[in-house]
Amino acid sequence: LVAGFPAGSLGANCYLVAPGAGEQCVIIDPGEDA
């Protein structure tokens, strides 16, 4: 599972990555207002 969204005024992509729903995950690049 890879879920991402653009954060903040510069639209930096933040991603959450996990083996699947209901699992542990890592968060990549939580930027402005993320």
PDB file of all heavy atoms in Angstrom:
ATOM      1  N   LEU A   1       0.848  -1.183   0.000  1.00  0.00           N
ATOM      2  CA  LEU A   1       0.000   0.000   0.000  1.00  0.00           C
ATOM      3  C   LEU A   1       0.887   1.239   0.000  1.00  0.00           C
ATOM      4  O   LEU A   1       1.774   1.375   0.853  1.00  0.00           O
ATOM      5  CB  LEU A   1      -0.904  -0.009   1.225  1.00  0.00           C
ATOM      6  CG  LEU A   1      -1.951   1.102   1.370  1.00  0.00           C
ATOM      7  CD1 LEU A   1      -3.122   0.608   2.200  1.00  0.00           C
ATOM      8  CD2 LEU A   1      -1.377   2.379   2.008  1.00  0.00           C
ATOM      9  N   VAL A   2       0.675   2.117  -0.974  1.00  0.00           N
ATOM     10  CA  VAL A   2       1.352   3.408  -1.023  1.00  0.00           C
ATOM     11  C   VAL A   2       0.286   4.482  -1.167  1.00  0.00           C
ATOM     12  O   VAL A   2      -0.448   4.510  -2.165  1.00  0.00           O
ATOM     13  CB  VAL A   2       2.343   3.509  -2.194  1.00  0.00           C
ATOM     14  CG1 VAL A   2       3.023   4.883  -2.188  1.00  0.00           C
ATOM     15  CG2 VAL A   2       3.392   2.405  -2.131  1.00  0.00           C
ATOM     16  N   ALA A   3       0.153   5.342  -0.163  1.00  0.00           N
ATOM     17  CA  ALA A   3      -0.814   6.439  -0.196  1.00  0.00           C
ATOM     18  C   ALA A   3      -0.046   7.742  -0.078  1.00  0.00           C
ATOM     19  O   ALA A   3       0.749   7.917   0.838  1.00  0.00           O
ATOM     20  CB  ALA A   3      -1.823   6.295   0.939  1.00  0.00           C
ATOM     21  N   GLY A   4      -0.272   8.660  -1.013  1.00  0.00           N
ATOM     22  CA  GLY A   4       0.448   9.915  -0.991  1.00  0.00           C
ATOM     23  C   GLY A   4      -0.454  11.099  -1.198  1.00  0.00           C
ATOM     24  O   GLY A   4      -1.568  10.975  -1.716  1.00  0.00           O
ATOM     25  N   PHE A   5       0.032  12.266  -0.794  1.00  0.00           N
ATOM     26  CA  PHE A   5      -0.713  13.504  -0.992  1.00  0.00           C
ATOM     27  C   PHE A   5       0.271  14.666  -1.024  1.00  0.00           C
ATOM     28  O   PHE A   5       1.325  14.620  -0.379  1.00  0.00           O
ATOM     29  CB  PHE A   5      -1.744  13.716   0.127  1.00  0.00           C
ATOM     30  CG  PHE A   5      -1.157  13.820   1.506  1.00  0.00           C
ATOM     31  CD1 PHE A   5      -0.813  15.055   2.050  1.00  0.00           C
ATOM     32  CD2 PHE A   5      -0.936  12.682   2.269  1.00  0.00           C
ATOM     33  CE1 PHE A   5      -0.259  15.154   3.320  1.00  0.00           C
ATOM     34  CE2 PHE A   5      -0.376  12.768   3.544  1.00  0.00           C
ATOM     35  CZ  PHE A   5      -0.039  14.005   4.070  1.00  0.00           C
ATOM     36  N   PRO A   6      -0.036  15.733  -1.801  1.00  0.00           N
ATOM     37  CA  PRO A   6       0.823  16.911  -1.811  1.00  0.00           C
ATOM     38  C   PRO A   6       0.536  17.783  -0.592  1.00  0.00           C
ATOM     39  O   PRO A   6      -0.609  18.098  -0.301  1.00  0.00           O
ATOM     40  CB  PRO A   6       0.436  17.619  -3.111  1.00  0.00           C
ATOM     41  CG  PRO A   6      -0.975  17.213  -3.347  1.00  0.00           C
ATOM     42  CD  PRO A   6      -1.126  15.824  -2.779  1.00  0.00           C
ATOM     43  N   ALA A   7       1.573  18.161   0.119  1.00  0.00           N
ATOM     44  CA  ALA A   7       1.408  18.911   1.366  1.00  0.00           C
ATOM     45  C   ALA A   7       1.914  20.337   1.214  1.00  0.00           C
ATOM     46  O   ALA A   7       2.965  20.585   0.620  1.00  0.00           O
ATOM     47  CB  ALA A   7       2.174  18.222   2.500  1.00  0.00           C
ATOM     48  N   GLY A   8       1.167  21.280   1.749  1.00  0.00           N
ATOM     49  CA  GLY A   8       1.630  22.644   1.886  1.00  0.00           C
ATOM     50  C   GLY A   8       1.604  23.462   0.610  1.00  0.00           C
ATOM     51  O   GLY A   8       1.174  23.013  -0.463  1.00  0.00           O
ATOM     52  N   SER A   9       2.094  24.683   0.721  1.00  0.00           N
ATOM     53  CA  SER A   9       2.031  25.640  -0.377  1.00  0.00           C
ATOM     54  C   SER A   9       2.923  25.257  -1.542  1.00  0.00           C
ATOM     55  O   SER A   9       2.698  25.701  -2.677  1.00  0.00           O
ATOM     56  CB  SER A   9       2.433  27.024   0.136  1.00  0.00           C
ATOM     57  OG  SER A   9       3.735  26.994   0.711  1.00  0.00           O
ATOM     58  N   LEU A  10       3.956  24.425  -1.312  1.00  0.00           N
ATOM     59  CA  LEU A  10       4.844  24.002  -2.385  1.00  0.00           C
ATOM     60  C   LEU A  10       4.517  22.603  -2.895  1.00  0.00           C
ATOM     61  O   LEU A  10       5.205  22.083  -3.775  1.00  0.00           O
ATOM     62  CB  LEU A  10       6.305  24.064  -1.929  1.00  0.00           C
ATOM     63  CG  LEU A  10       6.807  25.471  -1.581  1.00  0.00           C
ATOM     64  CD1 LEU A  10       8.255  25.432  -1.128  1.00  0.00           C
ATOM     65  CD2 LEU A  10       6.667  26.403  -2.784  1.00  0.00           C
ATOM     66  N   GLY A  11       3.468  22.006  -2.355  1.00  0.00           N
ATOM     67  CA  GLY A  11       2.999  20.727  -2.863  1.00  0.00           C
ATOM     68  C   GLY A  11       4.011  19.600  -2.786  1.00  0.00           C
ATOM     69  O   GLY A  11       4.114  18.779  -3.699  1.00  0.00           O
ATOM     70  N   ALA A  12       4.769  19.519  -1.694  1.00  0.00           N
ATOM     71  CA  ALA A  12       5.726  18.426  -1.533  1.00  0.00           C
ATOM     72  C   ALA A  12       4.980  17.140  -1.224  1.00  0.00           C
ATOM     73  O   ALA A  12       4.147  17.088  -0.310  1.00  0.00           O
ATOM     74  CB  ALA A  12       6.716  18.744  -0.416  1.00  0.00           C
ATOM     75  N   ASN A  13       5.280  16.093  -1.957  1.00  0.00           N
ATOM     76  CA  ASN A  13       4.566  14.832  -1.775  1.00  0.00           C
ATOM     77  C   ASN A  13       4.987  14.132  -0.487  1.00  0.00           C
ATOM     78  O   ASN A  13       6.177  13.926  -0.242  1.00  0.00           O
ATOM     79  CB  ASN A  13       4.828  13.903  -2.962  1.00  0.00           C
ATOM     80  CG  ASN A  13       4.171  14.386  -4.230  1.00  0.00           C
ATOM     81  OD1 ASN A  13       3.084  14.957  -4.203  1.00  0.00           O
ATOM     82  ND2 ASN A  13       4.810  14.147  -5.372  1.00  0.00           N
ATOM     83  N   CYS A  14       3.991  13.771   0.317  1.00  0.00           N
ATOM     84  CA  CYS A  14       4.189  12.952   1.513  1.00  0.00           C
ATOM     85  C   CYS A  14       3.594  11.584   1.224  1.00  0.00           C
ATOM     86  O   CYS A  14       2.494  11.481   0.675  1.00  0.00           O
ATOM     87  CB  CYS A  14       3.489  13.599   2.710  1.00  0.00           C
ATOM     88  SG  CYS A  14       3.564  12.639   4.240  1.00  0.00           S
ATOM     89  N   TYR A  15       4.319  10.529   1.584  1.00  0.00           N
ATOM     90  CA  TYR A  15       3.867   9.167   1.294  1.00  0.00           C
ATOM     91  C   TYR A  15       3.799   8.350   2.578  1.00  0.00           C
ATOM     92  O   TYR A  15       4.642   8.485   3.464  1.00  0.00           O
ATOM     93  CB  TYR A  15       4.834   8.469   0.344  1.00  0.00           C
ATOM     94  CG  TYR A  15       4.990   9.138  -1.000  1.00  0.00           C
ATOM     95  CD1 TYR A  15       6.107   9.935  -1.272  1.00  0.00           C
ATOM     96  CD2 TYR A  15       4.052   8.968  -2.007  1.00  0.00           C
ATOM     97  CE1 TYR A  15       6.267  10.545  -2.500  1.00  0.00           C
ATOM     98  CE2 TYR A  15       4.203   9.575  -3.251  1.00  0.00           C
ATOM     99  CZ  TYR A  15       5.313  10.361  -3.492  1.00  0.00           C
ATOM    100  OH  TYR A  15       5.467  10.971  -4.716  1.00  0.00           O
ATOM    101  N   LEU A  16       2.798   7.489   2.653  1.00  0.00           N
ATOM    102  CA  LEU A  16       2.733   6.467   3.688  1.00  0.00           C
ATOM    103  C   LEU A  16       2.801   5.117   2.986  1.00  0.00           C
ATOM    104  O   LEU A  16       2.058   4.871   2.019  1.00  0.00           O
ATOM    105  CB  LEU A  16       1.447   6.576   4.507  1.00  0.00           C
ATOM    106  CG  LEU A  16       1.428   7.749   5.515  1.00  0.00           C
ATOM    107  CD1 LEU A  16       1.048   9.044   4.822  1.00  0.00           C
ATOM    108  CD2 LEU A  16       0.461   7.466   6.674  1.00  0.00           C
ATOM    109  N   VAL A  17       3.698   4.253   3.454  1.00  0.00           N
ATOM    110  CA  VAL A  17       3.984   2.998   2.777  1.00  0.00           C
ATOM    111  C   VAL A  17       3.857   1.856   3.773  1.00  0.00           C
ATOM    112  O   VAL A  17       4.411   1.912   4.873  1.00  0.00           O
ATOM    113  CB  VAL A  17       5.404   3.002   2.173  1.00  0.00           C
ATOM    114  CG1 VAL A  17       5.617   1.783   1.283  1.00  0.00           C
ATOM    115  CG2 VAL A  17       5.659   4.293   1.396  1.00  0.00           C
ATOM    116  N   ALA A  18       3.111   0.819   3.382  1.00  0.00           N
ATOM    117  CA  ALA A  18       2.871  -0.320   4.259  1.00  0.00           C
ATOM    118  C   ALA A  18       2.718  -1.576   3.419  1.00  0.00           C
ATOM    119  O   ALA A  18       2.409  -1.499   2.219  1.00  0.00           O
ATOM    120  CB  ALA A  18       1.608  -0.096   5.087  1.00  0.00           C
ATOM    121  N   PRO A  19       2.902  -2.763   4.020  1.00  0.00           N
ATOM    122  CA  PRO A  19       2.632  -3.994   3.278  1.00  0.00           C
ATOM    123  C   PRO A  19       1.169  -4.102   2.845  1.00  0.00           C
ATOM    124  O   PRO A  19       0.853  -4.744   1.854  1.00  0.00           O
ATOM    125  CB  PRO A  19       2.998  -5.098   4.280  1.00  0.00           C
ATOM    126  CG  PRO A  19       3.962  -4.450   5.221  1.00  0.00           C
ATOM    127  CD  PRO A  19       3.492  -3.029   5.343  1.00  0.00           C
ATOM    128  N   GLY A  20       0.263  -3.477   3.615  1.00  0.00           N
ATOM    129  CA  GLY A  20      -1.153  -3.503   3.283  1.00  0.00           C
ATOM    130  C   GLY A  20      -1.955  -2.760   4.332  1.00  0.00           C
ATOM    131  O   GLY A  20      -1.407  -2.268   5.332  1.00  0.00           O
ATOM    132  N   ALA A  21      -3.245  -2.646   4.117  1.00  0.00           N
ATOM    133  CA  ALA A  21      -4.117  -1.989   5.092  1.00  0.00           C
ATOM    134  C   ALA A  21      -4.075  -2.737   6.420  1.00  0.00           C
ATOM    135  O   ALA A  21      -3.950  -3.964   6.469  1.00  0.00           O
ATOM    136  CB  ALA A  21      -5.540  -1.934   4.558  1.00  0.00           C
ATOM    137  N   GLY A  22      -4.178  -1.970   7.516  1.00  0.00           N
ATOM    138  CA  GLY A  22      -4.161  -2.567   8.840  1.00  0.00           C
ATOM    139  C   GLY A  22      -2.781  -2.968   9.331  1.00  0.00           C
ATOM    140  O   GLY A  22      -2.662  -3.611  10.379  1.00  0.00           O
ATOM    141  N   GLU A  23      -1.742  -2.570   8.616  1.00  0.00           N
ATOM    142  CA  GLU A  23      -0.379  -2.962   8.952  1.00  0.00           C
ATOM    143  C   GLU A  23       0.410  -1.759   9.485  1.00  0.00           C
ATOM    144  O   GLU A  23      -0.073  -0.626   9.510  1.00  0.00           O
ATOM    145  CB  GLU A  23       0.320  -3.500   7.698  1.00  0.00           C
ATOM    146  CG  GLU A  23      -0.390  -4.641   7.022  1.00  0.00           C
ATOM    147  CD  GLU A  23      -0.005  -5.995   7.593  1.00  0.00           C
ATOM    148  OE1 GLU A  23       0.854  -6.033   8.507  1.00  0.00           O
ATOM    149  OE2 GLU A  23      -0.540  -6.999   7.118  1.00  0.00           O
ATOM    150  N   GLN A  24       1.644  -2.037   9.902  1.00  0.00           N
ATOM    151  CA  GLN A  24       2.561  -0.965  10.226  1.00  0.00           C
ATOM    152  C   GLN A  24       2.957  -0.225   8.947  1.00  0.00           C
ATOM    153  O   GLN A  24       2.861  -0.780   7.842  1.00  0.00           O
ATOM    154  CB  GLN A  24       3.813  -1.521  10.914  1.00  0.00           C
ATOM    155  CG  GLN A  24       3.560  -2.109  12.288  1.00  0.00           C
ATOM    156  CD  GLN A  24       4.829  -2.601  12.946  1.00  0.00           C
ATOM    157  OE1 GLN A  24       5.822  -2.914  12.269  1.00  0.00           O
ATOM    158  NE2 GLN A  24       4.838  -2.670  14.266  1.00  0.00           N
ATOM    159  N   CYS A  25       3.405   1.033   9.099  1.00  0.00           N
ATOM    160  CA  CYS A  25       3.787   1.813   7.927  1.00  0.00           C
ATOM    161  C   CYS A  25       4.958   2.728   8.253  1.00  0.00           C
ATOM    162  O   CYS A  25       5.265   2.980   9.423  1.00  0.00           O
ATOM    163  CB  CYS A  25       2.608   2.650   7.414  1.00  0.00           C
ATOM    164  SG  CYS A  25       2.206   4.086   8.449  1.00  0.00           S
ATOM    165  N   VAL A  26       5.593   3.229   7.192  1.00  0.00           N
ATOM    166  CA  VAL A  26       6.558   4.320   7.320  1.00  0.00           C
ATOM    167  C   VAL A  26       5.966   5.546   6.634  1.00  0.00           C
ATOM    168  O   VAL A  26       5.139   5.433   5.713  1.00  0.00           O
ATOM    169  CB  VAL A  26       7.928   3.967   6.705  1.00  0.00           C
ATOM    170  CG1 VAL A  26       8.560   2.797   7.435  1.00  0.00           C
ATOM    171  CG2 VAL A  26       7.811   3.685   5.212  1.00  0.00           C
ATOM    172  N   ILE A  27       6.380   6.705   7.108  1.00  0.00           N
ATOM    173  CA  ILE A  27       5.930   7.978   6.549  1.00  0.00           C
ATOM    174  C   ILE A  27       7.136   8.660   5.926  1.00  0.00           C
ATOM    175  O   ILE A  27       8.169   8.827   6.577  1.00  0.00           O
ATOM    176  CB  ILE A  27       5.325   8.871   7.650  1.00  0.00           C
ATOM    177  CG1 ILE A  27       4.146   8.170   8.324  1.00  0.00           C
ATOM    178  CG2 ILE A  27       4.900  10.224   7.074  1.00  0.00           C
ATOM    179  CD1 ILE A  27       3.715   8.815   9.637  1.00  0.00           C
ATOM    180  N   ILE A  28       7.024   9.038   4.655  1.00  0.00           N
ATOM    181  CA  ILE A  28       8.133   9.660   3.944  1.00  0.00           C
ATOM    182  C   ILE A  28       7.820  11.129   3.705  1.00  0.00           C
ATOM    183  O   ILE A  28       6.796  11.470   3.109  1.00  0.00           O
ATOM    184  CB  ILE A  28       8.400   8.949   2.604  1.00  0.00           C
ATOM    185  CG1 ILE A  28       8.787   7.484   2.856  1.00  0.00           C
ATOM    186  CG2 ILE A  28       9.496   9.660   1.816  1.00  0.00           C
ATOM    187  CD1 ILE A  28       8.982   6.672   1.581  1.00  0.00           C
ATOM    188  N   ASP A  29       8.677  12.007   4.196  1.00  0.00           N
ATOM    189  CA  ASP A  29       8.640  13.450   3.936  1.00  0.00           C
ATOM    190  C   ASP A  29       7.338  14.149   4.362  1.00  0.00           C
ATOM    191  O   ASP A  29       6.592  14.661   3.523  1.00  0.00           O
ATOM    192  CB  ASP A  29       8.904  13.728   2.456  1.00  0.00           C
ATOM    193  CG  ASP A  29      10.351  13.519   2.062  1.00  0.00           C
ATOM    194  OD1 ASP A  29      11.163  13.182   2.940  1.00  0.00           O
ATOM    195  OD2 ASP A  29      10.674  13.700   0.872  1.00  0.00           O
ATOM    196  N   PRO A  30       7.068  14.210   5.659  1.00  0.00           N
ATOM    197  CA  PRO A  30       5.910  14.989   6.122  1.00  0.00           C
ATOM    198  C   PRO A  30       6.253  16.478   6.145  1.00  0.00           C
ATOM    199  O   PRO A  30       6.886  16.972   7.066  1.00  0.00           O
ATOM    200  CB  PRO A  30       5.664  14.445   7.531  1.00  0.00           C
ATOM    201  CG  PRO A  30       7.026  14.008   7.996  1.00  0.00           C
ATOM    202  CD  PRO A  30       7.763  13.551   6.770  1.00  0.00           C
ATOM    203  N   GLY A  31       5.840  17.194   5.122  1.00  0.00           N
ATOM    204  CA  GLY A  31       6.223  18.588   4.965  1.00  0.00           C
ATOM    205  C   GLY A  31       5.243  19.559   5.589  1.00  0.00           C
ATOM    206  O   GLY A  31       4.560  19.251   6.578  1.00  0.00           O
ATOM    207  N   GLU A  32       5.129  20.737   4.999  1.00  0.00           N
ATOM    208  CA  GLU A  32       4.293  21.809   5.539  1.00  0.00           C
ATOM    209  C   GLU A  32       2.836  21.352   5.646  1.00  0.00           C
ATOM    210  O   GLU A  32       2.254  20.827   4.696  1.00  0.00           O
ATOM    211  CB  GLU A  32       4.382  23.029   4.624  1.00  0.00           C
ATOM    212  CG  GLU A  32       3.562  24.208   5.099  1.00  0.00           C
ATOM    213  CD  GLU A  32       3.447  25.290   4.038  1.00  0.00           C
ATOM    214  OE1 GLU A  32       3.870  25.066   2.883  1.00  0.00           O
ATOM    215  OE2 GLU A  32       2.923  26.367   4.377  1.00  0.00           O
ATOM    216  N   ASP A  33       2.247  21.545   6.823  1.00  0.00           N
ATOM    217  CA  ASP A  33       0.832  21.239   7.058  1.00  0.00           C
ATOM    218  C   ASP A  33       0.473  19.792   6.700  1.00  0.00           C
ATOM    219  O   ASP A  33      -0.633  19.516   6.225  1.00  0.00           O
ATOM    220  CB  ASP A  33      -0.064  22.191   6.273  1.00  0.00           C
ATOM    221  CG  ASP A  33       0.085  23.643   6.700  1.00  0.00           C
ATOM    222  OD1 ASP A  33       0.399  23.875   7.885  1.00  0.00           O
ATOM    223  OD2 ASP A  33      -0.092  24.539   5.856  1.00  0.00           O
ATOM    224  N   ALA A  34       1.384  18.858   6.956  1.00  0.00           N
ATOM    225  CA  ALA A  34       1.145  17.462   6.587  1.00  0.00           C
ATOM    226  C   ALA A  34       0.442  16.658   7.666  1.00  0.00           C
ATOM    227  O   ALA A  34      -0.005  15.537   7.406  1.00  0.00           O
ATOM    228  CB  ALA A  34       2.467  16.780   6.243  1.00  0.00           C
TER     229      ALA A  34
END
